N, C-alpha and C. Protein backbone atom coordinates (compact mmCIF):
# COMPACT_ATOMS: atom_id res chain seq x y z
N MET A 1 73.67 131.42 104.96
CA MET A 1 75.05 131.78 105.24
C MET A 1 75.79 130.57 105.79
N ASN A 2 76.94 130.25 105.19
CA ASN A 2 77.73 129.09 105.62
C ASN A 2 78.59 129.46 106.82
N ALA A 3 78.60 128.58 107.79
CA ALA A 3 79.45 128.78 108.96
C ALA A 3 80.88 128.40 108.61
N LEU A 4 81.83 129.07 109.22
CA LEU A 4 83.23 128.72 109.02
C LEU A 4 83.51 127.38 109.68
N PRO A 5 84.43 126.58 109.10
CA PRO A 5 84.76 125.32 109.75
C PRO A 5 85.39 125.56 111.11
N LYS A 6 85.20 124.60 112.00
CA LYS A 6 85.81 124.68 113.32
C LYS A 6 87.32 124.68 113.17
N PRO A 7 88.04 125.39 114.06
CA PRO A 7 89.50 125.41 113.96
C PRO A 7 90.13 124.03 113.91
N SER A 8 89.57 123.06 114.63
CA SER A 8 90.16 121.72 114.63
C SER A 8 90.08 121.09 113.25
N VAL A 9 89.00 121.33 112.53
CA VAL A 9 88.84 120.77 111.19
C VAL A 9 89.84 121.41 110.24
N MET A 10 90.18 122.65 110.47
CA MET A 10 91.11 123.35 109.61
C MET A 10 92.52 122.77 109.74
N ARG A 11 92.77 121.96 110.77
CA ARG A 11 94.08 121.34 110.97
C ARG A 11 94.24 120.06 110.16
N LEU A 12 93.28 119.73 109.33
CA LEU A 12 93.38 118.54 108.50
C LEU A 12 94.26 118.83 107.29
N THR A 13 95.48 118.35 107.33
CA THR A 13 96.38 118.52 106.20
C THR A 13 95.97 117.54 105.10
N PRO A 14 96.44 117.75 103.88
CA PRO A 14 96.12 116.78 102.82
C PRO A 14 96.54 115.35 103.18
N ARG A 15 97.67 115.20 103.84
CA ARG A 15 98.12 113.85 104.23
C ARG A 15 97.20 113.25 105.27
N ARG A 16 96.82 114.04 106.28
CA ARG A 16 95.90 113.53 107.30
C ARG A 16 94.56 113.17 106.68
N LEU A 17 94.11 113.96 105.75
CA LEU A 17 92.85 113.67 105.07
C LEU A 17 92.96 112.36 104.30
N GLY A 18 94.11 112.15 103.64
CA GLY A 18 94.33 110.89 102.93
C GLY A 18 94.33 109.69 103.86
N VAL A 19 94.99 109.84 105.00
CA VAL A 19 95.00 108.76 106.00
C VAL A 19 93.58 108.51 106.50
N LEU A 20 92.86 109.57 106.78
CA LEU A 20 91.48 109.45 107.27
C LEU A 20 90.61 108.70 106.27
N LYS A 21 90.73 109.03 105.00
CA LYS A 21 89.93 108.34 103.97
C LYS A 21 90.24 106.85 103.95
N LEU A 22 91.51 106.50 104.07
CA LEU A 22 91.88 105.09 104.06
C LEU A 22 91.43 104.37 105.33
N VAL A 23 91.49 105.05 106.47
CA VAL A 23 90.95 104.47 107.71
C VAL A 23 89.46 104.18 107.52
N CYS A 24 88.76 105.12 106.92
CA CYS A 24 87.32 104.96 106.70
C CYS A 24 87.00 103.81 105.75
N GLN A 25 87.95 103.50 104.90
CA GLN A 25 87.77 102.38 103.97
C GLN A 25 88.16 101.04 104.60
N GLY A 26 88.61 101.10 105.86
CA GLY A 26 88.89 99.88 106.60
C GLY A 26 90.31 99.35 106.50
N TYR A 27 91.22 100.14 105.93
CA TYR A 27 92.60 99.69 105.80
C TYR A 27 93.33 99.73 107.14
N SER A 28 94.24 98.78 107.31
CA SER A 28 95.07 98.75 108.51
C SER A 28 96.18 99.78 108.40
N THR A 29 96.80 100.06 109.53
CA THR A 29 97.93 101.00 109.54
C THR A 29 99.02 100.53 108.58
N LYS A 30 99.33 99.25 108.60
CA LYS A 30 100.37 98.70 107.74
C LYS A 30 100.02 98.89 106.27
N LYS A 31 98.77 98.62 105.90
CA LYS A 31 98.35 98.76 104.50
C LYS A 31 98.33 100.23 104.08
N ILE A 32 97.89 101.11 104.97
CA ILE A 32 97.89 102.55 104.67
C ILE A 32 99.32 103.01 104.40
N ALA A 33 100.25 102.56 105.23
CA ALA A 33 101.66 102.91 105.04
C ALA A 33 102.15 102.45 103.69
N GLU A 34 101.80 101.24 103.33
CA GLU A 34 102.21 100.68 102.05
C GLU A 34 101.61 101.50 100.89
N LEU A 35 100.34 101.81 100.98
CA LEU A 35 99.66 102.55 99.91
C LEU A 35 100.21 103.96 99.75
N LEU A 36 100.56 104.60 100.86
CA LEU A 36 101.04 105.99 100.81
C LEU A 36 102.56 106.10 100.72
N GLY A 37 103.25 104.97 100.85
CA GLY A 37 104.71 104.99 100.76
C GLY A 37 105.37 105.68 101.94
N ILE A 38 104.77 105.49 103.12
CA ILE A 38 105.33 106.06 104.35
C ILE A 38 105.46 104.96 105.39
N ALA A 39 106.16 105.25 106.47
CA ALA A 39 106.37 104.27 107.53
C ALA A 39 105.09 104.06 108.34
N PRO A 40 104.87 102.84 108.82
CA PRO A 40 103.72 102.60 109.69
C PRO A 40 103.68 103.52 110.90
N ASN A 41 104.85 103.84 111.47
CA ASN A 41 104.89 104.76 112.62
C ASN A 41 104.36 106.14 112.23
N THR A 42 104.63 106.56 110.99
CA THR A 42 104.14 107.85 110.52
C THR A 42 102.63 107.82 110.40
N VAL A 43 102.09 106.72 109.90
CA VAL A 43 100.63 106.57 109.83
C VAL A 43 100.05 106.65 111.24
N GLY A 44 100.71 105.98 112.19
CA GLY A 44 100.26 106.02 113.58
C GLY A 44 100.23 107.44 114.12
N CYS A 45 101.24 108.23 113.78
CA CYS A 45 101.26 109.63 114.21
C CYS A 45 100.09 110.40 113.61
N HIS A 46 99.81 110.16 112.34
CA HIS A 46 98.66 110.83 111.70
C HIS A 46 97.35 110.39 112.35
N ARG A 47 97.22 109.09 112.65
CA ARG A 47 96.01 108.60 113.31
C ARG A 47 95.86 109.23 114.69
N ASP A 48 96.96 109.35 115.42
CA ASP A 48 96.92 109.99 116.74
C ASP A 48 96.46 111.45 116.61
N ALA A 49 97.00 112.15 115.63
CA ALA A 49 96.61 113.55 115.41
C ALA A 49 95.14 113.64 115.04
N LEU A 50 94.67 112.72 114.21
CA LEU A 50 93.25 112.71 113.82
C LEU A 50 92.35 112.45 115.03
N ARG A 51 92.78 111.54 115.89
CA ARG A 51 91.98 111.28 117.11
C ARG A 51 91.96 112.51 118.01
N GLU A 52 93.08 113.21 118.10
CA GLU A 52 93.12 114.42 118.92
C GLU A 52 92.20 115.50 118.35
N ILE A 53 92.27 115.69 117.05
CA ILE A 53 91.44 116.70 116.38
C ILE A 53 89.96 116.38 116.54
N SER A 54 89.62 115.11 116.36
CA SER A 54 88.22 114.70 116.35
C SER A 54 87.65 114.43 117.74
N GLY A 55 88.54 114.14 118.69
CA GLY A 55 88.07 113.73 120.01
C GLY A 55 87.70 112.26 120.06
N ALA A 56 88.02 111.54 118.99
CA ALA A 56 87.69 110.11 118.91
C ALA A 56 88.66 109.30 119.79
N HIS A 57 88.14 108.18 120.31
CA HIS A 57 88.96 107.30 121.14
C HIS A 57 89.36 106.03 120.39
N ASN A 58 88.73 105.79 119.25
CA ASN A 58 89.03 104.58 118.48
C ASN A 58 88.66 104.82 117.01
N ALA A 59 88.95 103.81 116.18
CA ALA A 59 88.72 103.95 114.73
C ALA A 59 87.23 104.11 114.40
N VAL A 60 86.37 103.44 115.14
CA VAL A 60 84.93 103.55 114.87
C VAL A 60 84.47 104.99 115.08
N GLN A 61 84.88 105.60 116.18
CA GLN A 61 84.51 106.99 116.44
C GLN A 61 85.13 107.93 115.40
N LEU A 62 86.32 107.60 114.95
CA LEU A 62 86.98 108.41 113.93
C LEU A 62 86.19 108.36 112.62
N VAL A 63 85.71 107.19 112.25
CA VAL A 63 84.89 107.05 111.04
C VAL A 63 83.57 107.80 111.20
N GLN A 64 82.97 107.72 112.36
CA GLN A 64 81.73 108.46 112.61
C GLN A 64 81.96 109.96 112.47
N TRP A 65 83.06 110.45 113.01
CA TRP A 65 83.39 111.87 112.91
C TRP A 65 83.62 112.25 111.45
N ALA A 66 84.33 111.40 110.71
CA ALA A 66 84.60 111.67 109.30
C ALA A 66 83.32 111.77 108.50
N SER A 67 82.33 110.97 108.86
CA SER A 67 81.06 111.02 108.11
C SER A 67 80.35 112.35 108.33
N THR A 68 80.54 112.96 109.47
CA THR A 68 79.94 114.28 109.68
C THR A 68 80.68 115.34 108.88
N LEU A 69 81.99 115.16 108.70
CA LEU A 69 82.77 116.09 107.90
C LEU A 69 82.33 116.04 106.45
N GLN A 70 82.10 114.86 105.95
CA GLN A 70 81.75 114.70 104.54
C GLN A 70 80.46 115.46 104.24
N THR A 71 79.50 115.41 105.11
CA THR A 71 78.25 116.11 104.85
C THR A 71 78.40 117.61 105.00
N LYS A 72 79.37 118.05 105.80
CA LYS A 72 79.57 119.48 106.02
C LYS A 72 80.50 120.11 104.99
N ARG A 73 81.49 119.36 104.54
CA ARG A 73 82.55 119.94 103.71
C ARG A 73 82.37 119.70 102.23
N TYR A 74 81.69 118.64 101.83
CA TYR A 74 81.67 118.29 100.41
C TYR A 74 80.29 118.39 99.82
């Protein structure tokens, strides 16, 4: 029986997921903004939301958290 995702994981919008994937690939905020056609400040807001959802304090912890999602969700 599969467990339901945690409520915090359910807050991952398609845009946040896209930002998370690019963070995991090592892109800077500026490059992510360029690739997605959004402002760097908007990317920063998405990164802040991702850190809040994940409990991460930095990009390394965010990538570690994302790796646990990949094994659980995909």
